[in-house]
Each structure stands twice: as structure tokens, then as C-alpha cells.
Amino acid sequence: MEKYIKGYKVIYEENAKEGVNHLEYVLSYDESHGLFKAARSSGKIPFEDRLGRNYNLVSKLDGSFVVEKRSTGWF
């Protein structure tokens, strides 16, 4: 799936929808902009939503971003 969040093109799978919603609806513009900026400079930045679910925000060469759900635990 694909959507624009605060001016940034974001691509994600269904299992990362809550992370995308966190970026779009929970964080302020400055908070989400900071995450996008950090991901662009480092390539990938981990974040978690308010329920403790873990995600990565990955910067792509074409200027878009991918939100990936990070697995937790030993598996």
C-alpha cells in the first residue's frame, strides 16, 4: 500500500498499518518530520508506537520511505 504522510511518500504492507497510522495521526508534524529526516540521513531508523509495537522507517533511493514491522522475541 502507499500513502502520503505530511508530504512524504510512504509504502507499507498491511502488518505495518498501525505504524503508518502512528506517523500520520499520533505524532506531531515536527516529531514525524524528525523521524523522516533521521531515516533519510541514516538509511533506517527504528521507532515504536504508543502500544509498544516496533517498526523501521527505511529511506529509499527514489525519495520514498518504507514502514516495516519489526519482529520481536526469539523467532
PDB file of N, CA and C in Angstrom:
ATOM      1  N   MET A   1       0.838  -1.172   0.000  1.00  0.00           N
ATOM      2  CA  MET A   1       0.000   0.000   0.000  1.00  0.00           C
ATOM      3  C   MET A   1       0.884   1.237   0.000  1.00  0.00           C
ATOM      4  N   GLU A   2       0.273   2.341  -0.302  1.00  0.00           N
ATOM      5  CA  GLU A   2       1.027   3.588  -0.424  1.00  0.00           C
ATOM      6  C   GLU A   2       0.155   4.750   0.021  1.00  0.00           C
ATOM      7  N   LYS A   3       0.759   5.704   0.714  1.00  0.00           N
ATOM      8  CA  LYS A   3       0.064   6.935   1.070  1.00  0.00           C
ATOM      9  C   LYS A   3       1.093   8.027   1.331  1.00  0.00           C
ATOM     10  N   TYR A   4       0.622   9.256   1.338  1.00  0.00           N
ATOM     11  CA  TYR A   4       1.479  10.393   1.668  1.00  0.00           C
ATOM     12  C   TYR A   4       1.193  10.825   3.096  1.00  0.00           C
ATOM     13  N   ILE A   5       2.257  10.932   3.873  1.00  0.00           N
ATOM     14  CA  ILE A   5       2.140  11.356   5.258  1.00  0.00           C
ATOM     15  C   ILE A   5       2.952  12.633   5.425  1.00  0.00           C
ATOM     16  N   LYS A   6       2.237  13.711   5.663  1.00  0.00           N
ATOM     17  CA  LYS A   6       2.869  15.007   5.901  1.00  0.00           C
ATOM     18  C   LYS A   6       3.893  15.342   4.820  1.00  0.00           C
ATOM     19  N   GLY A   7       3.539  15.008   3.566  1.00  0.00           N
ATOM     20  CA  GLY A   7       4.374  15.341   2.419  1.00  0.00           C
ATOM     21  C   GLY A   7       5.352  14.259   2.000  1.00  0.00           C
ATOM     22  N   TYR A   8       5.436  13.165   2.735  1.00  0.00           N
ATOM     23  CA  TYR A   8       6.374  12.091   2.422  1.00  0.00           C
ATOM     24  C   TYR A   8       5.619  10.879   1.870  1.00  0.00           C
ATOM     25  N   LYS A   9       6.125  10.319   0.786  1.00  0.00           N
ATOM     26  CA  LYS A   9       5.535   9.112   0.213  1.00  0.00           C
ATOM     27  C   LYS A   9       5.975   7.910   1.041  1.00  0.00           C
ATOM     28  N   VAL A  10       4.989   7.155   1.540  1.00  0.00           N
ATOM     29  CA  VAL A  10       5.251   6.018   2.413  1.00  0.00           C
ATOM     30  C   VAL A  10       4.619   4.764   1.810  1.00  0.00           C
ATOM     31  N   ILE A  11       5.411   3.708   1.730  1.00  0.00           N
ATOM     32  CA  ILE A  11       4.967   2.414   1.223  1.00  0.00           C
ATOM     33  C   ILE A  11       4.986   1.448   2.400  1.00  0.00           C
ATOM     34  N   TYR A  12       3.966   0.598   2.501  1.00  0.00           N
ATOM     35  CA  TYR A  12       3.883  -0.305   3.643  1.00  0.00           C
ATOM     36  C   TYR A  12       3.021  -1.513   3.306  1.00  0.00           C
ATOM     37  N   GLU A  13       3.214  -2.566   4.072  1.00  0.00           N
ATOM     38  CA  GLU A  13       2.393  -3.764   3.993  1.00  0.00           C
ATOM     39  C   GLU A  13       1.309  -3.671   5.074  1.00  0.00           C
ATOM     40  N   GLU A  14       0.304  -4.504   4.972  1.00  0.00           N
ATOM     41  CA  GLU A  14      -0.816  -4.497   5.919  1.00  0.00           C
ATOM     42  C   GLU A  14      -0.350  -4.633   7.368  1.00  0.00           C
ATOM     43  N   ASN A  15       0.691  -5.432   7.624  1.00  0.00           N
ATOM     44  CA  ASN A  15       1.139  -5.658   9.004  1.00  0.00           C
ATOM     45  C   ASN A  15       1.819  -4.432   9.623  1.00  0.00           C
ATOM     46  N   ALA A  16       2.080  -3.397   8.838  1.00  0.00           N
ATOM     47  CA  ALA A  16       2.695  -2.171   9.350  1.00  0.00           C
ATOM     48  C   ALA A  16       1.708  -1.000   9.393  1.00  0.00           C
ATOM     49  N   LYS A  17       0.427  -1.290   9.192  1.00  0.00           N
ATOM     50  CA  LYS A  17      -0.581  -0.229   9.126  1.00  0.00           C
ATOM     51  C   LYS A  17      -0.641   0.604  10.402  1.00  0.00           C
ATOM     52  N   GLU A  18      -0.505  -0.042  11.570  1.00  0.00           N
ATOM     53  CA  GLU A  18      -0.556   0.706  12.832  1.00  0.00           C
ATOM     54  C   GLU A  18       0.623   1.669  12.954  1.00  0.00           C
ATOM     55  N   GLY A  19       1.787   1.277  12.446  1.00  0.00           N
ATOM     56  CA  GLY A  19       2.940   2.169  12.446  1.00  0.00           C
ATOM     57  C   GLY A  19       2.734   3.372  11.552  1.00  0.00           C
ATOM     58  N   VAL A  20       2.113   3.152  10.409  1.00  0.00           N
ATOM     59  CA  VAL A  20       1.792   4.243   9.490  1.00  0.00           C
ATOM     60  C   VAL A  20       0.780   5.180  10.143  1.00  0.00           C
ATOM     61  N   ASN A  21      -0.240   4.619  10.780  1.00  0.00           N
ATOM     62  CA  ASN A  21      -1.224   5.448  11.479  1.00  0.00           C
ATOM     63  C   ASN A  21      -0.572   6.270  12.586  1.00  0.00           C
ATOM     64  N   HIS A  22       0.409   5.691  13.265  1.00  0.00           N
ATOM     65  CA  HIS A  22       1.135   6.409  14.317  1.00  0.00           C
ATOM     66  C   HIS A  22       1.857   7.627  13.730  1.00  0.00           C
ATOM     67  N   LEU A  23       2.544   7.428  12.598  1.00  0.00           N
ATOM     68  CA  LEU A  23       3.239   8.541  11.947  1.00  0.00           C
ATOM     69  C   LEU A  23       2.266   9.613  11.476  1.00  0.00           C
ATOM     70  N   GLU A  24       1.123   9.173  10.982  1.00  0.00           N
ATOM     71  CA  GLU A  24       0.173  10.111  10.380  1.00  0.00           C
ATOM     72  C   GLU A  24      -0.704  10.835  11.395  1.00  0.00           C
ATOM     73  N   TYR A  25      -1.201  10.120  12.393  1.00  0.00           N
ATOM     74  CA  TYR A  25      -2.221  10.697  13.271  1.00  0.00           C
ATOM     75  C   TYR A  25      -1.768  11.004  14.694  1.00  0.00           C
ATOM     76  N   VAL A  26      -0.777  10.285  15.201  1.00  0.00           N
ATOM     77  CA  VAL A  26      -0.399  10.453  16.609  1.00  0.00           C
ATOM     78  C   VAL A  26       0.719  11.477  16.772  1.00  0.00           C
ATOM     79  N   LEU A  27       1.744  11.361  15.950  1.00  0.00           N
ATOM     80  CA  LEU A  27       2.888  12.269  16.078  1.00  0.00           C
ATOM     81  C   LEU A  27       2.572  13.636  15.500  1.00  0.00           C
ATOM     82  N   SER A  28       3.165  14.651  16.094  1.00  0.00           N
ATOM     83  CA  SER A  28       3.044  15.995  15.537  1.00  0.00           C
ATOM     84  C   SER A  28       3.861  16.080  14.250  1.00  0.00           C
ATOM     85  N   TYR A  29       3.666  17.158  13.504  1.00  0.00           N
ATOM     86  CA  TYR A  29       4.446  17.338  12.280  1.00  0.00           C
ATOM     87  C   TYR A  29       5.934  17.323  12.591  1.00  0.00           C
ATOM     88  N   ASP A  30       6.352  18.021  13.627  1.00  0.00           N
ATOM     89  CA  ASP A  30       7.777  18.091  13.975  1.00  0.00           C
ATOM     90  C   ASP A  30       8.335  16.731  14.370  1.00  0.00           C
ATOM     91  N   GLU A  31       7.569  15.953  15.122  1.00  0.00           N
ATOM     92  CA  GLU A  31       8.029  14.622  15.524  1.00  0.00           C
ATOM     93  C   GLU A  31       8.182  13.696  14.318  1.00  0.00           C
ATOM     94  N   SER A  32       7.173  13.659  13.455  1.00  0.00           N
ATOM     95  CA  SER A  32       7.273  12.780  12.287  1.00  0.00           C
ATOM     96  C   SER A  32       8.329  13.281  11.312  1.00  0.00           C
ATOM     97  N   HIS A  33       8.428  14.591  11.138  1.00  0.00           N
ATOM     98  CA  HIS A  33       9.452  15.148  10.256  1.00  0.00           C
ATOM     99  C   HIS A  33      10.845  14.756  10.748  1.00  0.00           C
ATOM    100  N   GLY A  34      11.046  14.776  12.067  1.00  0.00           N
ATOM    101  CA  GLY A  34      12.323  14.364  12.639  1.00  0.00           C
ATOM    102  C   GLY A  34      12.650  12.910  12.323  1.00  0.00           C
ATOM    103  N   LEU A  35      11.645  12.034  12.384  1.00  0.00           N
ATOM    104  CA  LEU A  35      11.876  10.628  12.037  1.00  0.00           C
ATOM    105  C   LEU A  35      12.224  10.468  10.556  1.00  0.00           C
ATOM    106  N   PHE A  36      11.489  11.151   9.693  1.00  0.00           N
ATOM    107  CA  PHE A  36      11.783  11.067   8.256  1.00  0.00           C
ATOM    108  C   PHE A  36      13.183  11.597   7.949  1.00  0.00           C
ATOM    109  N   LYS A  37      13.544  12.698   8.588  1.00  0.00           N
ATOM    110  CA  LYS A  37      14.868  13.284   8.373  1.00  0.00           C
ATOM    111  C   LYS A  37      15.972  12.341   8.854  1.00  0.00           C
ATOM    112  N   ALA A  38      15.780  11.721  10.023  1.00  0.00           N
ATOM    113  CA  ALA A  38      16.763  10.779  10.554  1.00  0.00           C
ATOM    114  C   ALA A  38      16.888   9.553   9.655  1.00  0.00           C
ATOM    115  N   ALA A  39      15.756   9.059   9.148  1.00  0.00           N
ATOM    116  CA  ALA A  39      15.793   7.894   8.250  1.00  0.00           C
ATOM    117  C   ALA A  39      16.507   8.243   6.948  1.00  0.00           C
ATOM    118  N   ARG A  40      16.270   9.439   6.450  1.00  0.00           N
ATOM    119  CA  ARG A  40      16.926   9.845   5.208  1.00  0.00           C
ATOM    120  C   ARG A  40      18.441   9.924   5.390  1.00  0.00           C
ATOM    121  N   SER A  41      18.906  10.396   6.544  1.00  0.00           N
ATOM    122  CA  SER A  41      20.348  10.546   6.744  1.00  0.00           C
ATOM    123  C   SER A  41      21.035   9.227   7.104  1.00  0.00           C
ATOM    124  N   SER A  42      20.327   8.328   7.799  1.00  0.00           N
ATOM    125  CA  SER A  42      20.972   7.084   8.213  1.00  0.00           C
ATOM    126  C   SER A  42      20.530   5.859   7.412  1.00  0.00           C
ATOM    127  N   GLY A  43      19.491   5.990   6.612  1.00  0.00           N
ATOM    128  CA  GLY A  43      19.009   4.871   5.818  1.00  0.00           C
ATOM    129  C   GLY A  43      17.861   4.123   6.463  1.00  0.00           C
ATOM    130  N   LYS A  44      17.911   3.991   7.792  1.00  0.00           N
ATOM    131  CA  LYS A  44      16.847   3.274   8.511  1.00  0.00           C
ATOM    132  C   LYS A  44      16.835   3.739   9.955  1.00  0.00           C
ATOM    133  N   ILE A  45      15.633   3.943  10.484  1.00  0.00           N
ATOM    134  CA  ILE A  45      15.501   4.365  11.874  1.00  0.00           C
ATOM    135  C   ILE A  45      14.394   3.530  12.537  1.00  0.00           C
ATOM    136  N   PRO A  46      14.669   2.956  13.701  1.00  0.00           N
ATOM    137  CA  PRO A  46      13.618   2.214  14.412  1.00  0.00           C
ATOM    138  C   PRO A  46      12.714   3.174  15.187  1.00  0.00           C
ATOM    139  N   PHE A  47      11.444   2.806  15.303  1.00  0.00           N
ATOM    140  CA  PHE A  47      10.524   3.555  16.153  1.00  0.00           C
ATOM    141  C   PHE A  47       9.456   2.596  16.668  1.00  0.00           C
ATOM    142  N   GLU A  48       8.729   3.035  17.675  1.00  0.00           N
ATOM    143  CA  GLU A  48       7.626   2.233  18.182  1.00  0.00           C
ATOM    144  C   GLU A  48       6.422   3.117  18.408  1.00  0.00           C
ATOM    145  N   ASP A  49       5.254   2.509  18.301  1.00  0.00           N
ATOM    146  CA  ASP A  49       4.037   3.270  18.558  1.00  0.00           C
ATOM    147  C   ASP A  49       3.747   3.281  20.060  1.00  0.00           C
ATOM    148  N   ARG A  50       2.679   3.912  20.443  1.00  0.00           N
ATOM    149  CA  ARG A  50       2.387   4.071  21.876  1.00  0.00           C
ATOM    150  C   ARG A  50       1.981   2.775  22.553  1.00  0.00           C
ATOM    151  N   LEU A  51       1.688   1.745  21.758  1.00  0.00           N
ATOM    152  CA  LEU A  51       1.364   0.431  22.335  1.00  0.00           C
ATOM    153  C   LEU A  51       2.580  -0.482  22.371  1.00  0.00           C
ATOM    154  N   GLY A  52       3.749   0.048  22.004  1.00  0.00           N
ATOM    155  CA  GLY A  52       4.981  -0.717  22.076  1.00  0.00           C
ATOM    156  C   GLY A  52       5.271  -1.599  20.881  1.00  0.00           C
ATOM    157  N   ARG A  53       4.506  -1.449  19.784  1.00  0.00           N
ATOM    158  CA  ARG A  53       4.783  -2.224  18.573  1.00  0.00           C
ATOM    159  C   ARG A  53       5.974  -1.590  17.865  1.00  0.00           C
ATOM    160  N   ASN A  54       6.856  -2.420  17.342  1.00  0.00           N
ATOM    161  CA  ASN A  54       8.132  -1.967  16.787  1.00  0.00           C
ATOM    162  C   ASN A  54       8.119  -1.925  15.264  1.00  0.00           C
ATOM    163  N   TYR A  55       8.700  -0.840  14.718  1.00  0.00           N
ATOM    164  CA  TYR A  55       8.743  -0.622  13.273  1.00  0.00           C
ATOM    165  C   TYR A  55      10.091  -0.043  12.882  1.00  0.00           C
ATOM    166  N   ASN A  56      10.388  -0.139  11.597  1.00  0.00           N
ATOM    167  CA  ASN A  56      11.518   0.564  10.993  1.00  0.00           C
ATOM    168  C   ASN A  56      10.968   1.515   9.952  1.00  0.00           C
ATOM    169  N   LEU A  57      11.560   2.692   9.870  1.00  0.00           N
ATOM    170  CA  LEU A  57      11.286   3.633   8.795  1.00  0.00           C
ATOM    171  C   LEU A  57      12.532   3.631   7.926  1.00  0.00           C
ATOM    172  N   VAL A  58      12.384   3.177   6.681  1.00  0.00           N
ATOM    173  CA  VAL A  58      13.505   2.973   5.776  1.00  0.00           C
ATOM    174  C   VAL A  58      13.423   3.967   4.627  1.00  0.00           C
ATOM    175  N   SER A  59      14.523   4.655   4.377  1.00  0.00           N
ATOM    176  CA  SER A  59      14.610   5.608   3.270  1.00  0.00           C
ATOM    177  C   SER A  59      15.023   4.875   1.998  1.00  0.00           C
ATOM    178  N   LYS A  60      14.306   5.134   0.900  1.00  0.00           N
ATOM    179  CA  LYS A  60      14.613   4.523  -0.390  1.00  0.00           C
ATOM    180  C   LYS A  60      15.342   5.540  -1.272  1.00  0.00           C
ATOM    181  N   LEU A  61      16.074   5.042  -2.248  1.00  0.00           N
ATOM    182  CA  LEU A  61      16.848   5.923  -3.137  1.00  0.00           C
ATOM    183  C   LEU A  61      15.972   6.870  -3.950  1.00  0.00           C
ATOM    184  N   ASP A  62      14.732   6.487  -4.224  1.00  0.00           N
ATOM    185  CA  ASP A  62      13.846   7.342  -5.018  1.00  0.00           C
ATOM    186  C   ASP A  62      13.188   8.451  -4.195  1.00  0.00           C
ATOM    187  N   GLY A  63      13.535   8.549  -2.907  1.00  0.00           N
ATOM    188  CA  GLY A  63      12.985   9.601  -2.050  1.00  0.00           C
ATOM    189  C   GLY A  63      11.774   9.164  -1.242  1.00  0.00           C
ATOM    190  N   SER A  64      11.268   7.971  -1.498  1.00  0.00           N
ATOM    191  CA  SER A  64      10.134   7.466  -0.730  1.00  0.00           C
ATOM    192  C   SER A  64      10.645   6.755   0.524  1.00  0.00           C
ATOM    193  N   PHE A  65       9.708   6.329   1.357  1.00  0.00           N
ATOM    194  CA  PHE A  65      10.025   5.638   2.594  1.00  0.00           C
ATOM    195  C   PHE A  65       9.197   4.370   2.697  1.00  0.00           C
ATOM    196  N   VAL A  66       9.727   3.391   3.422  1.00  0.00           N
ATOM    197  CA  VAL A  66       9.016   2.151   3.695  1.00  0.00           C
ATOM    198  C   VAL A  66       8.892   2.003   5.206  1.00  0.00           C
ATOM    199  N   VAL A  67       7.689   1.665   5.666  1.00  0.00           N
ATOM    200  CA  VAL A  67       7.491   1.318   7.069  1.00  0.00           C
ATOM    201  C   VAL A  67       7.409  -0.199   7.137  1.00  0.00           C
ATOM    202  N   GLU A  68       8.300  -0.784   7.942  1.00  0.00           N
ATOM    203  CA  GLU A  68       8.363  -2.240   8.119  1.00  0.00           C
ATOM    204  C   GLU A  68       8.069  -2.572   9.572  1.00  0.00           C
ATOM    205  N   LYS A  69       7.294  -3.610   9.801  1.00  0.00           N
ATOM    206  CA  LYS A  69       7.083  -4.093  11.167  1.00  0.00           C
ATOM    207  C   LYS A  69       8.305  -4.926  11.560  1.00  0.00           C
ATOM    208  N   ARG A  70       8.853  -4.625  12.721  1.00  0.00           N
ATOM    209  CA  ARG A  70       9.982  -5.400  13.231  1.00  0.00           C
ATOM    210  C   ARG A  70       9.451  -6.534  14.087  1.00  0.00           C
ATOM    211  N   SER A  71      10.019  -7.706  13.882  1.00  0.00           N
ATOM    212  CA  SER A  71       9.615  -8.830  14.727  1.00  0.00           C
ATOM    213  C   SER A  71      10.301  -8.702  16.077  1.00  0.00           C
ATOM    214  N   THR A  72       9.641  -9.189  17.092  1.00  0.00           N
ATOM    215  CA  THR A  72      10.203  -9.156  18.441  1.00  0.00           C
ATOM    216  C   THR A  72      10.279 -10.578  18.961  1.00  0.00           C
ATOM    217  N   GLY A  73      11.093 -10.800  19.913  1.00  0.00           N
ATOM    218  CA  GLY A  73      11.216 -12.120  20.518  1.00  0.00           C
ATOM    219  C   GLY A  73      12.338 -12.926  19.882  1.00  0.00           C
ATOM    220  N   TRP A  74      12.303 -14.203  20.120  1.00  0.00           N
ATOM    221  CA  TRP A  74      13.379 -15.099  19.698  1.00  0.00           C
ATOM    222  C   TRP A  74      13.140 -15.751  18.340  1.00  0.00           C
ATOM    223  N   PHE A  75      12.046 -15.486  17.709  1.00  0.00           N
ATOM    224  CA  PHE A  75      11.728 -16.155  16.456  1.00  0.00           C
ATOM    225  C   PHE A  75      11.988 -15.293  15.253  1.00  0.00           C
TER     226      PHE A  75
END
